[in-house]
Amino acid sequence: MEIEKILSSVKFDPDFDPSYSFELKRISFFDHYLSIDEANACNFIFFKLAEETGELSQYLAAENRLLSLWAQFAVSGRNFALNERVLEIESLHDVLELGAAVIREIRGYPVFFAGPKVIWEPASDLTHLLWVPKDQGWRQVERMVLASGVNFLE
């Protein structure tokens, strides 16, 4: 699927369901879905908690893996913010700064990385969503995810 076609297929309304033309996979620092007990016991599951509990070094190790993946996507081609309208983010610095904000759950919105043709949808707790066009397949994205030390959650 061409970049323009992908971007024009993204709709900004509450009823938009990307599953019609995109496939979803969850990525995470963790190698499995955390149980409620595991999540409650994890003192580095988000930045503020890690800061408050003295687990910042563990959080930063996890964050660095996700930022590594974000950076791999960002340097692979053009990048577009999907925030009420499509807007190209021309500065690599701005894309990387947004990545840090997304991963720390400070602010964020989906970003389309045109190189690997993937949409990163912010989520929480060191876990995020990736969408690729159904006709594309996951091979390139999977290589990038695994190279960064991030896990797919099945």
N, C-alpha and C. Protein backbone atom coordinates (compact mmCIF):
# COMPACT_ATOMS: atom_id res chain seq x y z
N MET A 1 0.86 -1.17 0.00
CA MET A 1 0.00 0.00 0.00
C MET A 1 0.90 1.24 0.00
N GLU A 2 0.60 2.18 -0.86
CA GLU A 2 1.39 3.41 -0.97
C GLU A 2 1.12 4.35 0.20
N ILE A 3 2.11 5.20 0.51
CA ILE A 3 2.02 6.11 1.65
C ILE A 3 0.75 6.96 1.58
N GLU A 4 0.50 7.57 0.44
CA GLU A 4 -0.67 8.46 0.30
C GLU A 4 -1.97 7.69 0.55
N LYS A 5 -2.01 6.45 0.06
CA LYS A 5 -3.21 5.63 0.25
C LYS A 5 -3.40 5.29 1.73
N ILE A 6 -2.29 4.98 2.39
CA ILE A 6 -2.35 4.66 3.82
C ILE A 6 -2.86 5.87 4.59
N LEU A 7 -2.25 7.02 4.32
CA LEU A 7 -2.65 8.22 5.06
C LEU A 7 -4.09 8.61 4.78
N SER A 8 -4.55 8.44 3.54
CA SER A 8 -5.93 8.80 3.23
C SER A 8 -6.92 7.82 3.84
N SER A 9 -6.45 6.60 4.18
CA SER A 9 -7.36 5.62 4.78
C SER A 9 -7.56 5.83 6.27
N VAL A 10 -6.71 6.66 6.88
CA VAL A 10 -6.83 6.94 8.30
C VAL A 10 -7.91 8.00 8.49
N LYS A 11 -8.91 7.66 9.25
CA LYS A 11 -10.03 8.58 9.50
C LYS A 11 -9.94 9.10 10.93
N PHE A 12 -10.38 10.33 11.13
CA PHE A 12 -10.33 10.92 12.46
C PHE A 12 -11.75 11.10 12.99
N ASP A 13 -12.40 9.99 13.24
CA ASP A 13 -13.70 10.04 13.87
C ASP A 13 -13.79 8.89 14.85
N PRO A 14 -14.67 9.00 15.84
CA PRO A 14 -14.72 7.98 16.90
C PRO A 14 -15.13 6.60 16.41
N ASP A 15 -15.77 6.52 15.24
CA ASP A 15 -16.23 5.23 14.74
C ASP A 15 -15.23 4.55 13.81
N PHE A 16 -14.09 5.19 13.57
CA PHE A 16 -13.10 4.60 12.67
C PHE A 16 -12.54 3.32 13.28
N ASP A 17 -12.55 2.28 12.50
CA ASP A 17 -12.00 1.00 12.93
C ASP A 17 -10.86 0.63 11.99
N PRO A 18 -9.61 0.79 12.44
CA PRO A 18 -8.48 0.51 11.56
C PRO A 18 -8.35 -0.96 11.19
N SER A 19 -9.05 -1.84 11.88
CA SER A 19 -8.91 -3.26 11.60
C SER A 19 -9.44 -3.64 10.21
N TYR A 20 -10.18 -2.74 9.55
CA TYR A 20 -10.64 -3.03 8.20
C TYR A 20 -9.49 -3.08 7.21
N SER A 21 -8.50 -2.23 7.38
CA SER A 21 -7.40 -2.19 6.40
C SER A 21 -6.02 -2.37 7.04
N PHE A 22 -5.96 -2.50 8.36
CA PHE A 22 -4.69 -2.66 9.06
C PHE A 22 -4.74 -3.87 9.98
N GLU A 23 -3.57 -4.44 10.23
CA GLU A 23 -3.44 -5.51 11.22
C GLU A 23 -2.72 -4.95 12.44
N LEU A 24 -3.10 -5.44 13.60
CA LEU A 24 -2.59 -4.96 14.88
C LEU A 24 -1.73 -6.00 15.56
N LYS A 25 -0.63 -5.53 16.16
CA LYS A 25 0.15 -6.34 17.09
C LYS A 25 0.54 -5.44 18.25
N ARG A 26 0.56 -6.01 19.44
CA ARG A 26 0.99 -5.28 20.63
C ARG A 26 2.47 -5.54 20.85
N ILE A 27 3.19 -4.48 21.22
CA ILE A 27 4.60 -4.61 21.56
C ILE A 27 4.78 -4.17 23.01
N SER A 28 5.79 -4.72 23.65
CA SER A 28 6.00 -4.39 25.05
C SER A 28 7.45 -4.66 25.45
N PHE A 29 7.87 -3.96 26.47
CA PHE A 29 9.13 -4.30 27.12
C PHE A 29 8.99 -5.69 27.75
N PHE A 30 7.82 -5.98 28.29
CA PHE A 30 7.57 -7.25 28.97
C PHE A 30 7.37 -8.36 27.94
N ASP A 31 7.69 -9.58 28.30
CA ASP A 31 7.58 -10.68 27.35
C ASP A 31 6.25 -11.43 27.45
N HIS A 32 5.34 -10.94 28.27
CA HIS A 32 4.02 -11.53 28.41
C HIS A 32 3.07 -10.47 28.98
N TYR A 33 1.77 -10.74 28.85
CA TYR A 33 0.81 -9.86 29.49
C TYR A 33 0.95 -10.01 31.00
N LEU A 34 1.10 -8.89 31.67
CA LEU A 34 1.24 -8.95 33.12
C LEU A 34 -0.11 -9.23 33.77
N SER A 35 -0.11 -10.08 34.77
CA SER A 35 -1.31 -10.28 35.57
C SER A 35 -1.52 -9.02 36.41
N ILE A 36 -2.65 -8.91 37.03
CA ILE A 36 -2.91 -7.76 37.89
C ILE A 36 -1.90 -7.73 39.04
N ASP A 37 -1.61 -8.89 39.61
CA ASP A 37 -0.63 -8.95 40.70
C ASP A 37 0.76 -8.54 40.22
N GLU A 38 1.16 -9.01 39.02
CA GLU A 38 2.47 -8.63 38.48
C GLU A 38 2.54 -7.13 38.21
N ALA A 39 1.49 -6.59 37.64
CA ALA A 39 1.48 -5.15 37.35
C ALA A 39 1.53 -4.33 38.64
N ASN A 40 0.79 -4.76 39.64
CA ASN A 40 0.80 -4.05 40.92
C ASN A 40 2.15 -4.13 41.62
N ALA A 41 2.87 -5.22 41.40
CA ALA A 41 4.18 -5.40 42.05
C ALA A 41 5.32 -4.75 41.28
N CYS A 42 5.07 -4.35 40.04
CA CYS A 42 6.12 -3.79 39.20
C CYS A 42 6.27 -2.29 39.50
N ASN A 43 7.37 -1.93 40.12
CA ASN A 43 7.59 -0.53 40.51
C ASN A 43 8.17 0.33 39.41
N PHE A 44 8.34 -0.21 38.21
CA PHE A 44 8.86 0.60 37.11
C PHE A 44 7.94 0.54 35.89
N ILE A 45 6.68 0.23 36.11
CA ILE A 45 5.74 0.06 35.01
C ILE A 45 5.43 1.38 34.29
N PHE A 46 5.60 2.50 34.98
CA PHE A 46 5.53 3.80 34.32
C PHE A 46 6.48 4.76 35.02
N PHE A 47 6.85 5.82 34.31
CA PHE A 47 7.93 6.71 34.71
C PHE A 47 7.76 7.29 36.11
N LYS A 48 6.61 7.87 36.39
CA LYS A 48 6.39 8.54 37.68
C LYS A 48 6.54 7.55 38.84
N LEU A 49 5.98 6.37 38.70
CA LEU A 49 6.10 5.35 39.75
C LEU A 49 7.56 4.94 39.94
N ALA A 50 8.28 4.76 38.85
CA ALA A 50 9.70 4.39 38.93
C ALA A 50 10.49 5.47 39.67
N GLU A 51 10.17 6.72 39.39
CA GLU A 51 10.83 7.84 40.07
C GLU A 51 10.55 7.80 41.57
N GLU A 52 9.28 7.59 41.91
CA GLU A 52 8.86 7.61 43.31
C GLU A 52 9.39 6.42 44.11
N THR A 53 9.62 5.29 43.45
CA THR A 53 10.02 4.08 44.17
C THR A 53 11.51 3.75 44.03
N GLY A 54 12.25 4.64 43.39
CA GLY A 54 13.69 4.40 43.25
C GLY A 54 14.05 3.35 42.22
N GLU A 55 13.14 3.07 41.30
CA GLU A 55 13.37 2.05 40.26
C GLU A 55 13.62 2.69 38.89
N LEU A 56 14.11 3.92 38.90
CA LEU A 56 14.29 4.66 37.66
C LEU A 56 15.25 3.96 36.70
N SER A 57 16.28 3.34 37.21
CA SER A 57 17.25 2.68 36.32
C SER A 57 16.58 1.52 35.56
N GLN A 58 15.70 0.78 36.22
CA GLN A 58 14.99 -0.30 35.52
C GLN A 58 14.03 0.27 34.49
N TYR A 59 13.34 1.34 34.86
CA TYR A 59 12.43 1.97 33.91
C TYR A 59 13.20 2.45 32.68
N LEU A 60 14.33 3.13 32.90
CA LEU A 60 15.10 3.69 31.79
C LEU A 60 15.63 2.59 30.86
N ALA A 61 15.98 1.45 31.42
CA ALA A 61 16.41 0.32 30.58
C ALA A 61 15.28 -0.12 29.67
N ALA A 62 14.08 -0.19 30.23
CA ALA A 62 12.91 -0.58 29.43
C ALA A 62 12.59 0.50 28.39
N GLU A 63 12.60 1.74 28.82
CA GLU A 63 12.30 2.86 27.93
C GLU A 63 13.29 2.90 26.77
N ASN A 64 14.56 2.64 27.04
CA ASN A 64 15.58 2.68 25.99
C ASN A 64 15.31 1.67 24.88
N ARG A 65 14.79 0.53 25.23
CA ARG A 65 14.44 -0.46 24.20
C ARG A 65 13.34 0.08 23.29
N LEU A 66 12.30 0.64 23.91
CA LEU A 66 11.20 1.18 23.11
C LEU A 66 11.65 2.39 22.29
N LEU A 67 12.48 3.24 22.88
CA LEU A 67 12.99 4.40 22.14
C LEU A 67 13.90 3.97 20.99
N SER A 68 14.63 2.89 21.18
CA SER A 68 15.46 2.36 20.10
C SER A 68 14.59 1.97 18.91
N LEU A 69 13.49 1.30 19.18
CA LEU A 69 12.58 0.91 18.11
C LEU A 69 11.97 2.15 17.45
N TRP A 70 11.51 3.09 18.26
CA TRP A 70 10.93 4.34 17.74
C TRP A 70 11.94 5.02 16.82
N ALA A 71 13.19 5.08 17.25
CA ALA A 71 14.23 5.74 16.46
C ALA A 71 14.49 4.98 15.15
N GLN A 72 14.50 3.65 15.21
CA GLN A 72 14.67 2.86 13.98
C GLN A 72 13.57 3.19 12.98
N PHE A 73 12.35 3.26 13.47
CA PHE A 73 11.23 3.61 12.58
C PHE A 73 11.42 5.03 12.04
N ALA A 74 11.78 5.96 12.92
CA ALA A 74 11.85 7.38 12.56
C ALA A 74 12.90 7.66 11.48
N VAL A 75 14.06 7.02 11.56
CA VAL A 75 15.12 7.30 10.59
C VAL A 75 14.93 6.55 9.28
N SER A 76 13.89 5.73 9.19
CA SER A 76 13.65 4.93 7.99
C SER A 76 12.88 5.65 6.90
N GLY A 77 12.42 6.86 7.16
CA GLY A 77 11.65 7.58 6.14
C GLY A 77 10.92 8.76 6.74
N ARG A 78 9.92 9.22 6.03
CA ARG A 78 9.12 10.36 6.50
C ARG A 78 8.23 9.92 7.66
N ASN A 79 7.85 10.89 8.51
CA ASN A 79 7.06 10.60 9.70
C ASN A 79 5.88 11.56 9.77
N PHE A 80 4.72 11.05 10.15
CA PHE A 80 3.50 11.84 10.15
C PHE A 80 2.76 11.70 11.48
N ALA A 81 2.39 12.83 12.06
CA ALA A 81 1.53 12.83 13.25
C ALA A 81 0.10 12.60 12.79
N LEU A 82 -0.61 11.77 13.48
CA LEU A 82 -2.02 11.48 13.17
C LEU A 82 -2.86 12.01 14.32
N ASN A 83 -2.91 13.33 14.42
CA ASN A 83 -3.56 14.00 15.54
C ASN A 83 -4.61 14.95 15.00
N GLU A 84 -5.82 14.48 14.83
CA GLU A 84 -6.94 15.22 14.27
C GLU A 84 -6.78 15.48 12.79
N ARG A 85 -5.55 15.60 12.32
CA ARG A 85 -5.25 15.69 10.89
C ARG A 85 -3.85 15.15 10.68
N VAL A 86 -3.55 14.84 9.45
CA VAL A 86 -2.23 14.31 9.13
C VAL A 86 -1.26 15.48 8.98
N LEU A 87 -0.16 15.41 9.70
CA LEU A 87 0.84 16.48 9.65
C LEU A 87 2.22 15.85 9.64
N GLU A 88 3.02 16.18 8.62
CA GLU A 88 4.37 15.63 8.57
C GLU A 88 5.23 16.26 9.66
N ILE A 89 5.96 15.42 10.36
CA ILE A 89 6.93 15.88 11.37
C ILE A 89 8.28 15.86 10.66
N GLU A 90 8.75 17.03 10.29
CA GLU A 90 9.94 17.10 9.45
C GLU A 90 11.24 16.97 10.23
N SER A 91 11.24 17.37 11.47
CA SER A 91 12.47 17.34 12.27
C SER A 91 12.61 16.00 12.99
N LEU A 92 13.74 15.34 12.76
CA LEU A 92 14.00 14.09 13.46
C LEU A 92 14.03 14.33 14.97
N HIS A 93 14.57 15.46 15.38
CA HIS A 93 14.60 15.81 16.80
C HIS A 93 13.18 15.83 17.36
N ASP A 94 12.24 16.43 16.64
CA ASP A 94 10.85 16.50 17.11
C ASP A 94 10.21 15.11 17.19
N VAL A 95 10.52 14.26 16.23
CA VAL A 95 9.97 12.90 16.25
C VAL A 95 10.51 12.13 17.46
N LEU A 96 11.80 12.27 17.72
CA LEU A 96 12.39 11.55 18.85
C LEU A 96 11.90 12.11 20.19
N GLU A 97 11.72 13.42 20.25
CA GLU A 97 11.18 14.04 21.46
C GLU A 97 9.75 13.56 21.72
N LEU A 98 8.96 13.46 20.66
CA LEU A 98 7.60 12.94 20.80
C LEU A 98 7.64 11.49 21.28
N GLY A 99 8.59 10.70 20.78
CA GLY A 99 8.71 9.30 21.21
C GLY A 99 8.92 9.20 22.70
N ALA A 100 9.79 10.04 23.25
CA ALA A 100 10.03 10.02 24.70
C ALA A 100 8.76 10.38 25.45
N ALA A 101 8.02 11.36 24.96
CA ALA A 101 6.77 11.77 25.62
C ALA A 101 5.72 10.67 25.54
N VAL A 102 5.64 9.99 24.41
CA VAL A 102 4.67 8.89 24.24
C VAL A 102 5.00 7.76 25.21
N ILE A 103 6.25 7.36 25.26
CA ILE A 103 6.63 6.22 26.09
C ILE A 103 6.48 6.55 27.58
N ARG A 104 6.73 7.81 27.94
CA ARG A 104 6.54 8.21 29.35
C ARG A 104 5.10 8.57 29.66
N GLU A 105 4.22 8.43 28.68
CA GLU A 105 2.80 8.70 28.86
C GLU A 105 2.53 10.15 29.26
N ILE A 106 3.37 11.07 28.78
CA ILE A 106 3.19 12.49 29.07
C ILE A 106 2.17 13.08 28.10
N ARG A 107 2.36 12.78 26.84
CA ARG A 107 1.44 13.21 25.79
C ARG A 107 1.69 12.32 24.59
N GLY A 108 0.81 12.38 23.65
CA GLY A 108 1.07 11.60 22.45
C GLY A 108 -0.17 11.34 21.62
N TYR A 109 0.09 10.86 20.44
CA TYR A 109 -0.92 10.52 19.46
C TYR A 109 -0.26 9.55 18.50
N PRO A 110 -1.05 8.86 17.70
CA PRO A 110 -0.45 7.92 16.76
C PRO A 110 0.50 8.63 15.79
N VAL A 111 1.54 7.91 15.41
CA VAL A 111 2.50 8.40 14.43
C VAL A 111 2.64 7.34 13.35
N PHE A 112 2.59 7.81 12.10
CA PHE A 112 2.82 6.92 10.96
C PHE A 112 4.26 7.08 10.53
N PHE A 113 5.01 5.98 10.57
CA PHE A 113 6.39 5.96 10.11
C PHE A 113 6.38 5.38 8.69
N ALA A 114 6.65 6.24 7.71
CA ALA A 114 6.49 5.84 6.31
C ALA A 114 7.52 4.82 5.84
N GLY A 115 8.73 4.84 6.41
CA GLY A 115 9.75 3.87 5.99
C GLY A 115 9.26 2.44 6.13
N PRO A 116 8.95 2.02 7.35
CA PRO A 116 8.44 0.65 7.53
C PRO A 116 6.92 0.54 7.35
N LYS A 117 6.27 1.65 7.04
CA LYS A 117 4.81 1.69 6.85
C LYS A 117 4.08 1.12 8.07
N VAL A 118 4.36 1.73 9.22
CA VAL A 118 3.76 1.27 10.46
C VAL A 118 3.20 2.46 11.23
N ILE A 119 2.05 2.26 11.84
CA ILE A 119 1.46 3.26 12.74
C ILE A 119 1.72 2.79 14.16
N TRP A 120 2.31 3.68 14.97
CA TRP A 120 2.55 3.41 16.40
C TRP A 120 1.44 4.13 17.14
N GLU A 121 0.61 3.36 17.83
CA GLU A 121 -0.47 3.94 18.64
C GLU A 121 -0.06 3.87 20.11
N PRO A 122 0.02 5.02 20.77
CA PRO A 122 0.42 5.01 22.18
C PRO A 122 -0.57 4.23 23.04
N ALA A 123 -0.02 3.53 24.01
CA ALA A 123 -0.85 2.84 25.00
C ALA A 123 -0.27 3.17 26.36
N SER A 124 -0.02 2.18 27.20
CA SER A 124 0.47 2.48 28.55
C SER A 124 1.29 1.32 29.10
N ASP A 125 1.93 1.58 30.22
CA ASP A 125 2.64 0.54 30.97
C ASP A 125 3.69 -0.19 30.13
N LEU A 126 4.49 0.59 29.37
CA LEU A 126 5.57 0.06 28.54
C LEU A 126 5.06 -0.91 27.47
N THR A 127 3.81 -0.74 27.06
CA THR A 127 3.17 -1.55 26.03
C THR A 127 2.47 -0.61 25.06
N HIS A 128 2.63 -0.87 23.75
CA HIS A 128 2.04 -0.01 22.73
C HIS A 128 1.48 -0.87 21.60
N LEU A 129 0.78 -0.23 20.67
CA LEU A 129 0.16 -0.92 19.55
C LEU A 129 0.85 -0.53 18.25
N LEU A 130 1.06 -1.51 17.38
CA LEU A 130 1.57 -1.26 16.04
C LEU A 130 0.53 -1.73 15.03
N TRP A 131 0.31 -0.92 14.01
CA TRP A 131 -0.62 -1.25 12.94
C TRP A 131 0.16 -1.23 11.62
N VAL A 132 -0.02 -2.25 10.80
CA VAL A 132 0.54 -2.24 9.44
C VAL A 132 -0.58 -2.56 8.46
N PRO A 133 -0.47 -2.07 7.22
CA PRO A 133 -1.48 -2.40 6.22
C PRO A 133 -1.60 -3.91 6.03
N LYS A 134 -2.82 -4.39 5.89
CA LYS A 134 -3.05 -5.83 5.78
C LYS A 134 -2.30 -6.45 4.60
N ASP A 135 -2.12 -5.69 3.54
CA ASP A 135 -1.45 -6.25 2.37
C ASP A 135 0.08 -6.18 2.46
N GLN A 136 0.62 -5.72 3.56
CA GLN A 136 2.07 -5.53 3.68
C GLN A 136 2.79 -6.72 4.33
N GLY A 137 2.24 -7.26 5.38
CA GLY A 137 2.95 -8.28 6.15
C GLY A 137 3.84 -7.64 7.20
N TRP A 138 4.36 -8.48 8.08
CA TRP A 138 5.08 -8.00 9.27
C TRP A 138 6.58 -8.20 9.22
N ARG A 139 7.12 -8.82 8.20
CA ARG A 139 8.53 -9.23 8.20
C ARG A 139 9.50 -8.11 8.57
N GLN A 140 9.44 -6.97 7.87
CA GLN A 140 10.38 -5.88 8.14
C GLN A 140 10.19 -5.33 9.56
N VAL A 141 8.94 -5.13 9.96
CA VAL A 141 8.66 -4.59 11.29
C VAL A 141 9.10 -5.57 12.37
N GLU A 142 8.85 -6.85 12.17
CA GLU A 142 9.27 -7.85 13.15
C GLU A 142 10.78 -7.83 13.36
N ARG A 143 11.54 -7.72 12.28
CA ARG A 143 13.01 -7.66 12.41
C ARG A 143 13.42 -6.46 13.25
N MET A 144 12.79 -5.31 13.01
CA MET A 144 13.14 -4.10 13.74
C MET A 144 12.76 -4.23 15.22
N VAL A 145 11.60 -4.79 15.49
CA VAL A 145 11.14 -4.98 16.87
C VAL A 145 12.10 -5.90 17.62
N LEU A 146 12.42 -7.02 17.04
CA LEU A 146 13.30 -7.98 17.71
C LEU A 146 14.71 -7.42 17.89
N ALA A 147 15.20 -6.65 16.92
CA ALA A 147 16.54 -6.06 17.03
C ALA A 147 16.62 -5.05 18.17
N SER A 148 15.50 -4.45 18.54
CA SER A 148 15.50 -3.46 19.61
C SER A 148 15.32 -4.08 20.99
N GLY A 149 15.06 -5.37 21.05
CA GLY A 149 14.85 -6.04 22.33
C GLY A 149 13.45 -5.88 22.89
N VAL A 150 12.53 -5.44 22.03
CA VAL A 150 11.12 -5.31 22.41
C VAL A 150 10.42 -6.61 22.03
N ASN A 151 9.35 -6.93 22.72
CA ASN A 151 8.63 -8.19 22.52
C ASN A 151 7.27 -7.95 21.91
N PHE A 152 6.83 -8.93 21.13
CA PHE A 152 5.44 -8.98 20.67
C PHE A 152 4.63 -9.71 21.74
N LEU A 153 3.47 -9.21 22.05
CA LEU A 153 2.56 -9.91 22.96
C LEU A 153 1.50 -10.59 22.13
N GLU A 154 1.42 -11.86 22.23
CA GLU A 154 0.45 -12.64 21.43
C GLU A 154 -0.77 -12.95 22.26
